[in-house]
C-alpha atoms as a PDB file:
ATOM      1  CA  GLY A   1       7.992  19.515 -57.725  1.00  0.00           C
ATOM      2  CA  PRO A   2       8.011  16.331 -55.672  1.00  0.00           C
ATOM      3  CA  LEU A   3       6.294  13.188 -56.956  1.00  0.00           C
ATOM      4  CA  TRP A   4       3.278  12.137 -54.933  1.00  0.00           C
ATOM      5  CA  HIS A   5       2.110   8.543 -54.747  1.00  0.00           C
ATOM      6  CA  LEU A   6      -1.315   7.196 -53.932  1.00  0.00           C
ATOM      7  CA  GLY A   7      -1.699   5.921 -50.404  1.00  0.00           C
ATOM      8  CA  LYS A   8      -4.972   4.584 -49.059  1.00  0.00           C
ATOM      9  CA  ILE A   9      -7.858   4.607 -51.545  1.00  0.00           C
ATOM     10  CA  THR A  10     -11.350   4.755 -50.026  1.00  0.00           C
ATOM     11  CA  PHE A  11     -14.479   4.172 -52.080  1.00  0.00           C
ATOM     12  CA  PRO A  12     -17.853   5.780 -51.285  1.00  0.00           C
ATOM     13  CA  GLN A  13     -19.107   4.636 -47.900  1.00  0.00           C
ATOM     14  CA  GLY A  14     -22.770   5.618 -48.259  1.00  0.00           C
ATOM     15  CA  ASN A  15     -25.606   3.124 -47.910  1.00  0.00           C
ATOM     16  CA  THR A  16     -27.415   3.814 -51.206  1.00  0.00           C
ATOM     17  CA  SER A  17     -27.588   1.210 -53.963  1.00  0.00           C
ATOM     18  CA  ALA A  18     -25.281   3.362 -56.115  1.00  0.00           C
ATOM     19  CA  ASP A  19     -22.641   3.528 -53.358  1.00  0.00           C
ATOM     20  CA  SER A  20     -22.849  -0.239 -52.993  1.00  0.00           C
ATOM     21  CA  LEU A  21     -22.508  -0.801 -56.736  1.00  0.00           C
ATOM     22  CA  ILE A  22     -19.369   1.371 -56.861  1.00  0.00           C
ATOM     23  CA  ARG A  23     -17.828  -0.619 -54.006  1.00  0.00           C
ATOM     24  CA  GLN A  24     -18.665  -3.900 -55.752  1.00  0.00           C
ATOM     25  CA  SER A  25     -16.927  -2.658 -58.907  1.00  0.00           C
ATOM     26  CA  ASN A  26     -13.731  -1.561 -57.168  1.00  0.00           C
ATOM     27  CA  LYS A  27     -11.939  -4.730 -58.309  1.00  0.00           C
ATOM     28  CA  ASN A  28     -11.850  -2.986 -61.700  1.00  0.00           C
ATOM     29  CA  THR A  29     -10.477   0.265 -60.344  1.00  0.00           C
ATOM     30  CA  LEU A  30      -7.746   2.088 -62.240  1.00  0.00           C
ATOM     31  CA  LEU A  31      -6.323   3.454 -58.972  1.00  0.00           C
ATOM     32  CA  LYS A  32      -3.598   1.451 -57.231  1.00  0.00           C
ATOM     33  CA  THR A  33      -1.837   2.216 -53.954  1.00  0.00           C
ATOM     34  CA  GLY A  34       1.756   3.153 -54.694  1.00  0.00           C
ATOM     35  CA  ASP A  35       1.068   4.519 -58.164  1.00  0.00           C
ATOM     36  CA  ARG A  36       2.132   8.055 -58.974  1.00  0.00           C
ATOM     37  CA  VAL A  37      -0.715  10.537 -58.479  1.00  0.00           C
ATOM     38  CA  ASP A  38      -2.004  11.238 -61.980  1.00  0.00           C
ATOM     39  CA  MET A  39      -4.922  13.621 -62.513  1.00  0.00           C
ATOM     40  CA  ALA A  40      -5.720  11.966 -65.858  1.00  0.00           C
ATOM     41  CA  MET A  41      -6.044   8.607 -64.087  1.00  0.00           C
ATOM     42  CA  LEU A  42      -8.334  10.131 -61.457  1.00  0.00           C
ATOM     43  CA  ARG A  43     -10.525  11.466 -64.270  1.00  0.00           C
ATOM     44  CA  SER A  44     -10.490   8.094 -66.026  1.00  0.00           C
ATOM     45  CA  GLU A  45     -11.647   6.411 -62.828  1.00  0.00           C
ATOM     46  CA  ARG A  46     -14.648   8.744 -62.764  1.00  0.00           C
ATOM     47  CA  VAL A  47     -15.447   7.723 -66.350  1.00  0.00           C
ATOM     48  CA  ARG A  48     -15.189   4.041 -65.373  1.00  0.00           C
ATOM     49  CA  ILE A  49     -17.671   4.559 -62.549  1.00  0.00           C
ATOM     50  CA  GLU A  50     -20.029   6.473 -64.837  1.00  0.00           C
ATOM     51  CA  ASP A  51     -19.974   3.567 -67.313  1.00  0.00           C
ATOM     52  CA  THR A  52     -20.528   1.042 -64.516  1.00  0.00           C
ATOM     53  CA  LEU A  53     -23.586   2.850 -63.177  1.00  0.00           C
ATOM     54  CA  ARG A  54     -25.051   3.651 -66.595  1.00  0.00           C
ATOM     55  CA  ASN A  55     -24.827  -0.041 -67.464  1.00  0.00           C
ATOM     56  CA  ASN A  56     -26.842  -0.874 -64.362  1.00  0.00           C
ATOM     57  CA  GLY A  57     -29.874   1.331 -64.880  1.00  0.00           C
ATOM     58  CA  TYR A  58     -28.544   4.709 -63.695  1.00  0.00           C
ATOM     59  CA  TYR A  59     -29.456   6.599 -66.862  1.00  0.00           C
ATOM     60  CA  PHE A  60     -29.173  10.076 -65.348  1.00  0.00           C
ATOM     61  CA  PHE A  61     -25.818   9.507 -63.653  1.00  0.00           C
ATOM     62  CA  ASN A  62     -22.674  11.234 -64.865  1.00  0.00           C
ATOM     63  CA  ARG A  63     -19.072  11.482 -63.695  1.00  0.00           C
ATOM     64  CA  GLU A  64     -19.553  14.965 -62.208  1.00  0.00           C
ATOM     65  CA  TYR A  65     -21.265  13.359 -59.215  1.00  0.00           C
ATOM     66  CA  ILE A  66     -17.938  11.746 -58.232  1.00  0.00           C
ATOM     67  CA  THR A  67     -15.437  13.917 -56.356  1.00  0.00           C
ATOM     68  CA  TYR A  68     -12.226  13.192 -54.489  1.00  0.00           C
ATOM     69  CA  GLU A  69     -10.975  14.327 -51.112  1.00  0.00           C
ATOM     70  CA  LEU A  70      -7.160  14.206 -51.284  1.00  0.00           C
ATOM     71  CA  ASP A  71      -5.214  14.105 -48.021  1.00  0.00           C
ATOM     72  CA  THR A  72      -1.447  14.585 -47.716  1.00  0.00           C
ATOM     73  CA  SER A  73      -1.264  14.607 -43.922  1.00  0.00           C
ATOM     74  CA  GLY A  74       0.301  11.141 -43.831  1.00  0.00           C
ATOM     75  CA  GLY A  75       3.614  12.518 -45.058  1.00  0.00           C
ATOM     76  CA  LYS A  76       6.238  10.589 -47.069  1.00  0.00           C
ATOM     77  CA  GLN A  77       4.875  12.248 -50.225  1.00  0.00           C
ATOM     78  CA  THR A  78       1.837   9.977 -50.027  1.00  0.00           C
ATOM     79  CA  MET A  79      -1.623  11.200 -50.928  1.00  0.00           C
ATOM     80  CA  ASN A  80      -4.674   9.341 -49.639  1.00  0.00           C
ATOM     81  CA  ALA A  81      -7.697   9.494 -51.928  1.00  0.00           C
ATOM     82  CA  LYS A  82     -11.236   9.360 -50.619  1.00  0.00           C
ATOM     83  CA  MET A  83     -13.907   9.065 -53.301  1.00  0.00           C
ATOM     84  CA  VAL A  84     -17.266  10.721 -52.614  1.00  0.00           C
ATOM     85  CA  LEU A  85     -20.547  10.016 -54.382  1.00  0.00           C
ATOM     86  CA  ASN A  86     -22.655  13.173 -54.364  1.00  0.00           C
ATOM     87  CA  GLN A  87     -26.430  12.852 -54.649  1.00  0.00           C
ATOM     88  CA  PRO A  88     -28.502  14.997 -57.051  1.00  0.00           C
ATOM     89  CA  SER A  89     -29.996  16.831 -54.066  1.00  0.00           C
ATOM     90  CA  ASP A  90     -30.650  16.454 -50.358  1.00  0.00           C
ATOM     91  CA  SER A  91     -34.005  14.806 -51.066  1.00  0.00           C
ATOM     92  CA  VAL A  92     -33.201  12.859 -54.253  1.00  0.00           C
ATOM     93  CA  GLN A  93     -30.907   9.855 -54.519  1.00  0.00           C
ATOM     94  CA  HIS A  94     -29.452   8.285 -57.639  1.00  0.00           C
ATOM     95  CA  MET A  95     -31.721   5.451 -58.707  1.00  0.00           C
ATOM     96  CA  PRO A  96     -31.729   2.774 -61.403  1.00  0.00           C
ATOM     97  CA  TYR A  97     -34.387   2.808 -64.113  1.00  0.00           C
ATOM     98  CA  ARG A  98     -36.020   0.036 -66.098  1.00  0.00           C
ATOM     99  CA  ILE A  99     -37.112   0.133 -69.715  1.00  0.00           C
ATOM    100  CA  GLY A 100     -40.745   1.151 -70.228  1.00  0.00           C
ATOM    101  CA  ASN A 101     -42.364   1.885 -73.587  1.00  0.00           C
ATOM    102  CA  ILE A 102     -40.133   2.264 -76.635  1.00  0.00           C
ATOM    103  CA  TYR A 103     -41.469   4.309 -79.557  1.00  0.00           C
ATOM    104  CA  VAL A 104     -39.813   3.988 -82.955  1.00  0.00           C
ATOM    105  CA  ILE A 105     -40.625   6.847 -85.348  1.00  0.00           C
ATOM    106  CA  GLU A 106     -39.533   5.339 -88.632  1.00  0.00           C
ATOM    107  CA  ASP A 107     -39.943   8.292 -90.977  1.00  0.00           C
ATOM    108  CA  TYR A 108     -38.987  11.145 -88.660  1.00  0.00           C
ATOM    109  CA  ILE A 109     -38.962  14.543 -90.351  1.00  0.00           C
ATOM    110  CA  SER A 110     -39.013  17.486 -87.971  1.00  0.00           C
ATOM    111  CA  GLU A 111     -41.517  19.498 -90.040  1.00  0.00           C
ATOM    112  CA  THR A 112     -44.146  16.763 -89.811  1.00  0.00           C
ATOM    113  CA  LEU A 113     -43.526  15.794 -86.202  1.00  0.00           C
ATOM    114  CA  GLY A 114     -46.801  17.303 -85.019  1.00  0.00           C
ATOM    115  CA  ASP A 115     -48.769  15.499 -87.700  1.00  0.00           C
ATOM    116  CA  THR A 116     -49.549  12.349 -85.741  1.00  0.00           C
ATOM    117  CA  LEU A 117     -53.106  12.030 -87.066  1.00  0.00           C
ATOM    118  CA  HIS A 118     -51.856  10.573 -90.330  1.00  0.00           C
ATOM    119  CA  ARG A 119     -49.422   8.148 -88.742  1.00  0.00           C
ATOM    120  CA  ASP A 120     -50.021   4.514 -87.971  1.00  0.00           C
ATOM    121  CA  THR A 121     -48.951   3.009 -84.656  1.00  0.00           C
ATOM    122  CA  VAL A 122     -48.203  -0.714 -84.544  1.00  0.00           C
ATOM    123  CA  LEU A 123     -47.205  -2.660 -81.421  1.00  0.00           C
ATOM    124  CA  LYS A 124     -44.753  -5.466 -82.153  1.00  0.00           C
ATOM    125  CA  GLY A 125     -43.045  -7.206 -79.273  1.00  0.00           C
ATOM    126  CA  ASP A 126     -41.773  -4.556 -76.859  1.00  0.00           C
ATOM    127  CA  TYR A 127     -41.870  -1.716 -79.385  1.00  0.00           C
ATOM    128  CA  TYR A 128     -44.383   0.806 -80.736  1.00  0.00           C
ATOM    129  CA  PHE A 129     -43.676   1.574 -84.400  1.00  0.00           C
ATOM    130  CA  ILE A 130     -45.008   4.939 -85.581  1.00  0.00           C
ATOM    131  CA  TYR A 131     -44.904   5.842 -89.260  1.00  0.00           C
ATOM    132  CA  ASP A 132     -46.673   7.422 -92.192  1.00  0.00           C
ATOM    133  CA  LYS A 133     -44.534   5.666 -94.774  1.00  0.00           C
ATOM    134  CA  LYS A 134     -42.943   2.380 -93.744  1.00  0.00           C
ATOM    135  CA  ILE A 135     -39.229   2.319 -94.586  1.00  0.00           C
ATOM    136  CA  VAL A 136     -38.207  -1.032 -93.132  1.00  0.00           C
ATOM    137  CA  ARG A 137     -40.367  -3.903 -91.939  1.00  0.00           C
ATOM    138  CA  GLU A 138     -40.820  -4.051 -88.163  1.00  0.00           C
ATOM    139  CA  LYS A 139     -39.409  -7.578 -88.030  1.00  0.00           C
ATOM    140  CA  VAL A 140     -36.197  -6.389 -89.684  1.00  0.00           C
ATOM    141  CA  LEU A 141     -35.909  -3.266 -87.524  1.00  0.00           C
ATOM    142  CA  MET A 142     -36.352  -5.317 -84.370  1.00  0.00           C
ATOM    143  CA  GLU A 143     -33.128  -7.143 -85.193  1.00  0.00           C
ATOM    144  CA  GLY A 144     -31.377  -3.840 -84.448  1.00  0.00           C
ATOM    145  CA  LEU A 145     -33.185  -2.991 -81.205  1.00  0.00           C
ATOM    146  CA  TYR A 146     -31.632  -4.203 -77.955  1.00  0.00           C
ATOM    147  CA  PHE A 147     -34.058  -2.903 -75.345  1.00  0.00           C
ATOM    148  CA  THR A 148     -36.355  -5.193 -73.361  1.00  0.00           C
ATOM    149  CA  TYR A 149     -39.360  -4.050 -71.376  1.00  0.00           C
ATOM    150  CA  ASP A 150     -38.819  -4.192 -67.590  1.00  0.00           C
ATOM    151  CA  LYS A 151     -35.070  -4.833 -67.918  1.00  0.00           C
ATOM    152  CA  LEU A 152     -32.630  -2.304 -66.483  1.00  0.00           C
ATOM    153  CA  TYR A 153     -31.495   0.407 -68.875  1.00  0.00           C
ATOM    154  CA  THR A 154     -27.906  -0.094 -70.024  1.00  0.00           C
ATOM    155  CA  LYS A 155     -25.652   2.242 -71.962  1.00  0.00           C
ATOM    156  CA  ASP A 156     -24.314  -0.775 -73.868  1.00  0.00           C
ATOM    157  CA  ALA A 157     -27.789  -1.614 -75.209  1.00  0.00           C
ATOM    158  CA  GLU A 158     -28.218   1.974 -76.381  1.00  0.00           C
ATOM    159  CA  LEU A 159     -24.856   1.966 -78.184  1.00  0.00           C
ATOM    160  CA  LYS A 160     -25.502  -1.456 -79.758  1.00  0.00           C
ATOM    161  CA  THR A 161     -28.879  -0.236 -81.016  1.00  0.00           C
ATOM    162  CA  LEU A 162     -27.370   2.938 -82.450  1.00  0.00           C
ATOM    163  CA  ASN A 163     -24.577   1.021 -84.185  1.00  0.00           C
ATOM    164  CA  ARG A 164     -26.889  -1.657 -85.616  1.00  0.00           C
ATOM    165  CA  LEU A 165     -29.407   0.852 -86.966  1.00  0.00           C
ATOM    166  CA  THR A 166     -26.536   2.774 -88.541  1.00  0.00           C
ATOM    167  CA  GLN A 167     -25.347  -0.400 -90.263  1.00  0.00           C
ATOM    168  CA  PHE A 168     -28.711  -0.772 -92.000  1.00  0.00           C
ATOM    169  CA  GLY A 169     -27.750   2.210 -94.142  1.00  0.00           C
ATOM    170  CA  ASN A 170     -31.367   3.330 -94.617  1.00  0.00           C
ATOM    171  CA  PHE A 171     -31.301   6.292 -92.261  1.00  0.00           C
ATOM    172  CA  LYS A 172     -29.341   9.526 -92.482  1.00  0.00           C
ATOM    173  CA  TYR A 173     -30.198  10.534 -88.918  1.00  0.00           C
ATOM    174  CA  ILE A 174     -30.768   8.371 -85.839  1.00  0.00           C
ATOM    175  CA  SER A 175     -31.424   9.563 -82.302  1.00  0.00           C
ATOM    176  CA  ILE A 176     -32.346   7.744 -79.102  1.00  0.00           C
ATOM    177  CA  ASP A 177     -33.802   9.710 -76.206  1.00  0.00           C
ATOM    178  CA  PHE A 178     -35.168   8.599 -72.850  1.00  0.00           C
ATOM    179  CA  ASP A 179     -37.402  10.374 -70.366  1.00  0.00           C
ATOM    180  CA  LYS A 180     -38.928   9.323 -67.069  1.00  0.00           C
ATOM    181  CA  ALA A 181     -42.207   7.528 -67.716  1.00  0.00           C
ATOM    182  CA  ARG A 182     -45.045   9.821 -66.687  1.00  0.00           C
ATOM    183  CA  ASN A 183     -47.214   7.271 -64.921  1.00  0.00           C
ATOM    184  CA  ASN A 184     -44.680   4.553 -64.193  1.00  0.00           C
ATOM    185  CA  PRO A 185     -42.133   5.524 -61.498  1.00  0.00           C
ATOM    186  CA  GLY A 186     -38.726   3.920 -61.935  1.00  0.00           C
ATOM    187  CA  TYR A 187     -39.200   3.406 -65.676  1.00  0.00           C
ATOM    188  CA  LEU A 188     -37.904   5.185 -68.767  1.00  0.00           C
ATOM    189  CA  ASP A 189     -39.863   5.649 -71.979  1.00  0.00           C
ATOM    190  CA  GLY A 190     -37.647   5.815 -75.036  1.00  0.00           C
ATOM    191  CA  THR A 191     -38.101   7.460 -78.433  1.00  0.00           C
ATOM    192  CA  ILE A 192     -36.013   6.322 -81.385  1.00  0.00           C
ATOM    193  CA  ARG A 193     -36.186   8.780 -84.283  1.00  0.00           C
ATOM    194  CA  LEU A 194     -35.116   7.577 -87.720  1.00  0.00           C
ATOM    195  CA  SER A 195     -34.839   9.985 -90.647  1.00  0.00           C
ATOM    196  CA  PRO A 196     -34.802   8.134 -93.969  1.00  0.00           C
ATOM    197  CA  ALA A 197     -31.919   8.527 -96.378  1.00  0.00           C
ATOM    198  CA  LYS A 198     -32.941   9.741 -99.822  1.00  0.00           C
ATOM    199  CA  ARG A 199     -31.946   6.517-101.533  1.00  0.00           C
ATOM    200  CA  GLN A 200     -33.542   3.428-100.033  1.00  0.00           C
ATOM    201  CA  GLY A 201     -31.470   0.269-100.201  1.00  0.00           C
ATOM    202  CA  PHE A 202     -34.522  -1.866 -99.547  1.00  0.00           C
ATOM    203  CA  THR A 203     -38.231  -1.290 -99.059  1.00  0.00           C
ATOM    204  CA  GLY A 204     -40.744  -2.231 -96.443  1.00  0.00           C
ATOM    205  CA  THR A 205     -41.054  -5.634 -98.053  1.00  0.00           C
ATOM    206  CA  GLY A 206     -37.322  -6.147 -98.521  1.00  0.00           C
ATOM    207  CA  GLU A 207     -34.791  -7.988 -96.457  1.00  0.00           C
ATOM    208  CA  VAL A 208     -31.527  -7.024 -94.852  1.00  0.00           C
ATOM    209  CA  ASN A 209     -28.349  -8.661 -96.065  1.00  0.00           C
END
């Protein structure tokens, strides 16, 4: 079949903060007028926008909200691409979220999850540490936590935290989950679950190399 080339590229024209952020980021677009139309590149552009938004507080955003309207009416085997940002619903817009409370469950074992009566909760800095048996000192763990109360959620901070906690080598299972804060609109409360490895490289009084 004939080769189609990208003509005019239009970014979302809506007046929401997410639309505006996408337009501001278009200097980093992967789409260039004159390039051959490549479905893989169109998909990659959606991934780029997802990363941009998720690094600016839009925790619940994903690439499926971005669609394209492709128009070949201009002729000359040129395809204009209009990008559309779809909202979650008619009454709900995409919105950025800030970091609320962060809970770190240091000795997470699913069978004992409901047994909170025997667990201590300690507030250090921006984090609540919950444990029955302390695996790593809070001060040491905090070196691997990259979230700050009232700062915008970023995907990068989540990945850095996951990677740093993995490097400690003390946990066989690590998960980070966020939910909308119940009584604090616009904020996310996070839960970091750490399941201890059987062999401990250092104790609650030890140091990290």
